[in-house]
N, C-alpha and C. Protein backbone atom coordinates (compact mmCIF):
# COMPACT_ATOMS: atom_id res chain seq x y z
N MET A 1 0.82 -1.19 0.00
CA MET A 1 0.00 0.00 0.00
C MET A 1 0.87 1.26 0.00
N GLN A 2 2.00 1.20 0.68
CA GLN A 2 2.87 2.37 0.77
C GLN A 2 3.29 2.84 -0.62
N GLN A 3 3.59 1.90 -1.51
CA GLN A 3 4.00 2.26 -2.87
C GLN A 3 2.85 2.94 -3.61
N LEU A 4 1.64 2.43 -3.44
CA LEU A 4 0.47 3.03 -4.08
C LEU A 4 0.30 4.48 -3.63
N PHE A 5 0.35 4.71 -2.32
CA PHE A 5 0.20 6.06 -1.80
C PHE A 5 1.31 6.96 -2.32
N SER A 6 2.51 6.44 -2.40
CA SER A 6 3.64 7.21 -2.91
C SER A 6 3.40 7.62 -4.36
N GLU A 7 2.92 6.69 -5.17
CA GLU A 7 2.63 6.99 -6.58
C GLU A 7 1.51 8.01 -6.72
N LEU A 8 0.59 8.03 -5.77
CA LEU A 8 -0.51 8.99 -5.79
C LEU A 8 -0.11 10.34 -5.19
N GLY A 9 1.09 10.41 -4.65
CA GLY A 9 1.56 11.64 -4.05
C GLY A 9 1.02 11.88 -2.65
N ILE A 10 0.63 10.80 -1.99
CA ILE A 10 0.09 10.89 -0.63
C ILE A 10 1.15 10.42 0.35
N GLU A 11 1.50 11.28 1.29
CA GLU A 11 2.46 10.91 2.33
C GLU A 11 1.69 10.40 3.54
N VAL A 12 1.95 9.16 3.93
CA VAL A 12 1.28 8.58 5.08
C VAL A 12 2.10 8.90 6.32
N THR A 13 1.44 9.53 7.29
CA THR A 13 2.10 9.89 8.54
C THR A 13 1.26 9.39 9.71
N LYS A 14 1.83 9.47 10.89
CA LYS A 14 1.07 9.08 12.09
C LYS A 14 -0.17 9.95 12.24
N GLU A 15 -0.07 11.18 11.78
CA GLU A 15 -1.16 12.13 11.94
C GLU A 15 -2.33 11.86 10.99
N ASN A 16 -2.07 11.28 9.81
CA ASN A 16 -3.16 11.10 8.85
C ASN A 16 -3.55 9.65 8.60
N THR A 17 -2.94 8.72 9.29
CA THR A 17 -3.22 7.29 9.07
C THR A 17 -4.69 6.95 9.30
N ASP A 18 -5.26 7.45 10.38
CA ASP A 18 -6.67 7.15 10.67
C ASP A 18 -7.59 7.71 9.60
N ARG A 19 -7.31 8.91 9.14
CA ARG A 19 -8.15 9.54 8.11
C ARG A 19 -8.05 8.77 6.80
N ILE A 20 -6.85 8.36 6.41
CA ILE A 20 -6.67 7.57 5.19
C ILE A 20 -7.45 6.27 5.31
N ASP A 21 -7.36 5.61 6.44
CA ASP A 21 -8.08 4.36 6.68
C ASP A 21 -9.59 4.59 6.55
N GLU A 22 -10.07 5.68 7.11
CA GLU A 22 -11.49 6.00 7.05
C GLU A 22 -11.95 6.22 5.60
N VAL A 23 -11.16 6.94 4.83
CA VAL A 23 -11.50 7.21 3.43
C VAL A 23 -11.52 5.92 2.61
N ILE A 24 -10.55 5.04 2.83
CA ILE A 24 -10.51 3.77 2.11
C ILE A 24 -11.75 2.94 2.44
N HIS A 25 -12.11 2.88 3.71
CA HIS A 25 -13.32 2.15 4.10
C HIS A 25 -14.55 2.74 3.40
N ASP A 26 -14.63 4.05 3.34
CA ASP A 26 -15.76 4.71 2.69
C ASP A 26 -15.81 4.38 1.20
N MET A 27 -14.66 4.39 0.54
CA MET A 27 -14.60 4.08 -0.89
C MET A 27 -15.05 2.66 -1.17
N LEU A 28 -14.78 1.75 -0.24
CA LEU A 28 -15.13 0.35 -0.42
C LEU A 28 -16.49 0.01 0.17
N SER A 29 -17.18 1.02 0.68
CA SER A 29 -18.51 0.85 1.30
C SER A 29 -18.46 -0.17 2.44
N VAL A 30 -17.40 -0.07 3.23
CA VAL A 30 -17.23 -0.94 4.40
C VAL A 30 -17.32 -0.06 5.63
N ASP A 31 -18.06 -0.52 6.64
CA ASP A 31 -18.20 0.25 7.87
C ASP A 31 -16.84 0.46 8.53
N TYR A 32 -16.61 1.69 8.96
CA TYR A 32 -15.38 2.03 9.68
C TYR A 32 -15.69 1.97 11.16
N PRO A 33 -14.86 1.25 11.91
CA PRO A 33 -15.16 1.10 13.34
C PRO A 33 -15.23 2.38 14.11
């Protein structure tokens, strides 16, 4: 996944990990805990 984010120009940090996870869940129509 890190390579995918890098290619998309998204830097994954401790500060944005939860938000990225939430967005991915939303895109896949999966409930986010």
